[in-house]
Amino acid sequence: MNWFRKGADGKFLWPGYGENVRVLKWILERVEGRGAANETPIGYVPAKNGLTLDGMKISEEGVNELLRVNTEDWETELEDSKQFFRKFGERLPRQISEEHEKLSRRFQRVVTV
């Protein structure tokens, strides 16, 4: 989820940090094999029915937007993080480079499909 994603009105879609306990609940449910999730190029994200949203003032469209993985946003993010990692040169742990490359390849598959 992108906690800082804004709607068309310029306001944050997720109501605030006080509601993050709902996501923590989902994470614990995932660990226990119960949390509903959808696989995306960035990993598993909550399925719409996977989060407890009772009592929240958030529209269905807002939830859909929060859970959407925007390929264009991630292309920018991948390039920005690649530039950042270059600053570390040989000091950057190999595993970070490898994970970044795997993430980039997953998005390349999505874009070319």
C-alpha atoms as a PDB file:
ATOM      1  CA  MET A   1       0.000   0.000   0.000  1.00  0.00           C
ATOM      2  CA  ASN A   2       1.075   3.519  -0.597  1.00  0.00           C
ATOM      3  CA  TRP A   3       0.225   5.399   2.595  1.00  0.00           C
ATOM      4  CA  PHE A   4       1.042   8.690   0.933  1.00  0.00           C
ATOM      5  CA  ARG A   5      -1.034   8.303  -2.212  1.00  0.00           C
ATOM      6  CA  LYS A   6      -3.424  11.173  -2.731  1.00  0.00           C
ATOM      7  CA  GLY A   7      -6.821  11.217  -4.371  1.00  0.00           C
ATOM      8  CA  ALA A   8      -8.062  13.548  -7.099  1.00  0.00           C
ATOM      9  CA  ASP A   9      -8.955  16.068  -4.378  1.00  0.00           C
ATOM     10  CA  GLY A  10      -5.300  16.237  -3.265  1.00  0.00           C
ATOM     11  CA  LYS A  11      -6.020  14.660   0.117  1.00  0.00           C
ATOM     12  CA  PHE A  12      -4.396  11.491   1.421  1.00  0.00           C
ATOM     13  CA  LEU A  13      -6.479   8.390   0.699  1.00  0.00           C
ATOM     14  CA  TRP A  14      -5.466   6.508   3.857  1.00  0.00           C
ATOM     15  CA  PRO A  15      -6.975   8.253   6.885  1.00  0.00           C
ATOM     16  CA  GLY A  16      -3.824   8.266   8.974  1.00  0.00           C
ATOM     17  CA  TYR A  17      -1.296   6.382  11.008  1.00  0.00           C
ATOM     18  CA  GLY A  18      -3.847   5.524  13.683  1.00  0.00           C
ATOM     19  CA  GLU A  19      -5.469   3.191  11.165  1.00  0.00           C
ATOM     20  CA  ASN A  20      -2.245   1.293  10.464  1.00  0.00           C
ATOM     21  CA  VAL A  21      -3.214  -1.266  13.086  1.00  0.00           C
ATOM     22  CA  ARG A  22      -5.581  -2.609  10.418  1.00  0.00           C
ATOM     23  CA  VAL A  23      -2.622  -3.332   8.166  1.00  0.00           C
ATOM     24  CA  LEU A  24      -0.653  -4.858  11.028  1.00  0.00           C
ATOM     25  CA  LYS A  25      -3.634  -7.141  11.657  1.00  0.00           C
ATOM     26  CA  TRP A  26      -3.520  -8.176   7.984  1.00  0.00           C
ATOM     27  CA  ILE A  27       0.217  -8.871   8.228  1.00  0.00           C
ATOM     28  CA  LEU A  28      -0.310 -11.126  11.248  1.00  0.00           C
ATOM     29  CA  GLU A  29      -3.128 -12.909   9.422  1.00  0.00           C
ATOM     30  CA  ARG A  30      -0.791 -13.442   6.447  1.00  0.00           C
ATOM     31  CA  VAL A  31       1.831 -14.963   8.742  1.00  0.00           C
ATOM     32  CA  GLU A  32      -0.854 -17.331  10.020  1.00  0.00           C
ATOM     33  CA  GLY A  33      -1.874 -18.198   6.442  1.00  0.00           C
ATOM     34  CA  ARG A  34      -5.266 -16.501   6.654  1.00  0.00           C
ATOM     35  CA  GLY A  35      -4.850 -12.977   5.246  1.00  0.00           C
ATOM     36  CA  ALA A  36      -6.312 -12.466   1.784  1.00  0.00           C
ATOM     37  CA  ALA A  37      -3.734 -11.072  -0.635  1.00  0.00           C
ATOM     38  CA  ASN A  38      -3.053 -10.422  -4.290  1.00  0.00           C
ATOM     39  CA  GLU A  39       0.322 -11.059  -5.867  1.00  0.00           C
ATOM     40  CA  THR A  40       1.858  -8.073  -7.665  1.00  0.00           C
ATOM     41  CA  PRO A  41       5.298  -7.303  -9.087  1.00  0.00           C
ATOM     42  CA  ILE A  42       6.230  -5.729  -5.726  1.00  0.00           C
ATOM     43  CA  GLY A  43       5.020  -8.731  -3.743  1.00  0.00           C
ATOM     44  CA  TYR A  44       1.757  -9.476  -1.990  1.00  0.00           C
ATOM     45  CA  VAL A  45      -0.607  -6.636  -1.185  1.00  0.00           C
ATOM     46  CA  PRO A  46      -3.842  -6.898   0.772  1.00  0.00           C
ATOM     47  CA  ALA A  47      -6.881  -8.040  -1.157  1.00  0.00           C
ATOM     48  CA  LYS A  48      -9.726  -5.591  -0.815  1.00  0.00           C
ATOM     49  CA  ASN A  49     -11.534  -8.027   1.478  1.00  0.00           C
ATOM     50  CA  GLY A  50      -8.297  -8.710   3.371  1.00  0.00           C
ATOM     51  CA  LEU A  51      -8.316  -5.482   5.349  1.00  0.00           C
ATOM     52  CA  THR A  52     -10.739  -4.791   8.175  1.00  0.00           C
ATOM     53  CA  LEU A  53     -12.245  -1.485   7.066  1.00  0.00           C
ATOM     54  CA  ASP A  54     -15.269  -1.367   9.376  1.00  0.00           C
ATOM     55  CA  GLY A  55     -15.895   2.138  10.673  1.00  0.00           C
ATOM     56  CA  MET A  56     -13.436   3.804   8.314  1.00  0.00           C
ATOM     57  CA  LYS A  57     -14.408   6.764   6.188  1.00  0.00           C
ATOM     58  CA  ILE A  58     -12.854   5.645   2.935  1.00  0.00           C
ATOM     59  CA  SER A  59     -14.608   5.083  -0.359  1.00  0.00           C
ATOM     60  CA  GLU A  60     -14.408   1.881  -2.353  1.00  0.00           C
ATOM     61  CA  GLU A  61     -12.619   3.860  -5.054  1.00  0.00           C
ATOM     62  CA  GLY A  62     -10.118   5.067  -2.466  1.00  0.00           C
ATOM     63  CA  VAL A  63      -9.405   1.517  -1.322  1.00  0.00           C
ATOM     64  CA  ASN A  64      -8.985   0.385  -4.927  1.00  0.00           C
ATOM     65  CA  GLU A  65      -6.528   3.217  -5.564  1.00  0.00           C
ATOM     66  CA  LEU A  66      -4.534   2.429  -2.425  1.00  0.00           C
ATOM     67  CA  LEU A  67      -4.175  -1.211  -3.404  1.00  0.00           C
ATOM     68  CA  ARG A  68      -3.355  -0.524  -7.062  1.00  0.00           C
ATOM     69  CA  VAL A  69       0.264  -0.985  -8.125  1.00  0.00           C
ATOM     70  CA  ASN A  70       0.964   1.783 -10.622  1.00  0.00           C
ATOM     71  CA  THR A  71       3.578   0.580 -13.104  1.00  0.00           C
ATOM     72  CA  GLU A  72       4.540   4.114 -14.153  1.00  0.00           C
ATOM     73  CA  ASP A  73       5.145   5.192 -10.555  1.00  0.00           C
ATOM     74  CA  TRP A  74       7.275   2.130  -9.952  1.00  0.00           C
ATOM     75  CA  GLU A  75       9.353   2.702 -13.084  1.00  0.00           C
ATOM     76  CA  THR A  76      10.288   6.100 -11.666  1.00  0.00           C
ATOM     77  CA  GLU A  77      10.908   4.617  -8.216  1.00  0.00           C
ATOM     78  CA  LEU A  78      13.143   1.885  -9.637  1.00  0.00           C
ATOM     79  CA  GLU A  79      15.266   4.405 -11.528  1.00  0.00           C
ATOM     80  CA  ASP A  80      15.522   6.706  -8.497  1.00  0.00           C
ATOM     81  CA  SER A  81      16.580   3.866  -6.211  1.00  0.00           C
ATOM     82  CA  LYS A  82      19.098   2.642  -8.794  1.00  0.00           C
ATOM     83  CA  GLN A  83      20.693   6.101  -8.830  1.00  0.00           C
ATOM     84  CA  PHE A  84      20.717   6.152  -5.033  1.00  0.00           C
ATOM     85  CA  PHE A  85      22.361   2.725  -4.820  1.00  0.00           C
ATOM     86  CA  ARG A  86      25.112   3.831  -7.213  1.00  0.00           C
ATOM     87  CA  LYS A  87      26.304   6.271  -4.549  1.00  0.00           C
ATOM     88  CA  PHE A  88      27.413   3.311  -2.446  1.00  0.00           C
ATOM     89  CA  GLY A  89      29.480   1.695  -5.177  1.00  0.00           C
ATOM     90  CA  GLU A  90      31.174  -1.514  -4.033  1.00  0.00           C
ATOM     91  CA  ARG A  91      29.968  -0.977  -0.446  1.00  0.00           C
ATOM     92  CA  LEU A  92      26.371  -1.775  -1.406  1.00  0.00           C
ATOM     93  CA  PRO A  93      25.586  -5.326  -0.276  1.00  0.00           C
ATOM     94  CA  ARG A  94      25.242  -7.665  -3.234  1.00  0.00           C
ATOM     95  CA  GLN A  95      21.865  -8.884  -1.956  1.00  0.00           C
ATOM     96  CA  ILE A  96      20.355  -5.409  -2.263  1.00  0.00           C
ATOM     97  CA  SER A  97      21.519  -5.139  -5.870  1.00  0.00           C
ATOM     98  CA  GLU A  98      20.160  -8.593  -6.634  1.00  0.00           C
ATOM     99  CA  GLU A  99      16.750  -7.858  -5.110  1.00  0.00           C
ATOM    100  CA  HIS A 100      16.533  -4.567  -6.965  1.00  0.00           C
ATOM    101  CA  GLU A 101      17.351  -6.322 -10.222  1.00  0.00           C
ATOM    102  CA  LYS A 102      14.708  -9.004  -9.577  1.00  0.00           C
ATOM    103  CA  LEU A 103      12.133  -6.305  -8.878  1.00  0.00           C
ATOM    104  CA  SER A 104      13.091  -4.511 -12.095  1.00  0.00           C
ATOM    105  CA  ARG A 105      12.714  -7.735 -14.103  1.00  0.00           C
ATOM    106  CA  ARG A 106       9.257  -8.391 -12.623  1.00  0.00           C
ATOM    107  CA  PHE A 107       8.131  -4.957 -13.780  1.00  0.00           C
ATOM    108  CA  GLN A 108       9.677  -5.435 -17.213  1.00  0.00           C
ATOM    109  CA  ARG A 109       7.553  -8.572 -17.627  1.00  0.00           C
ATOM    110  CA  VAL A 110       4.425  -6.622 -16.673  1.00  0.00           C
ATOM    111  CA  VAL A 111       5.196  -3.787 -19.099  1.00  0.00           C
ATOM    112  CA  THR A 112       5.911  -6.111 -22.025  1.00  0.00           C
ATOM    113  CA  VAL A 113       2.804  -8.279 -21.532  1.00  0.00           C
END
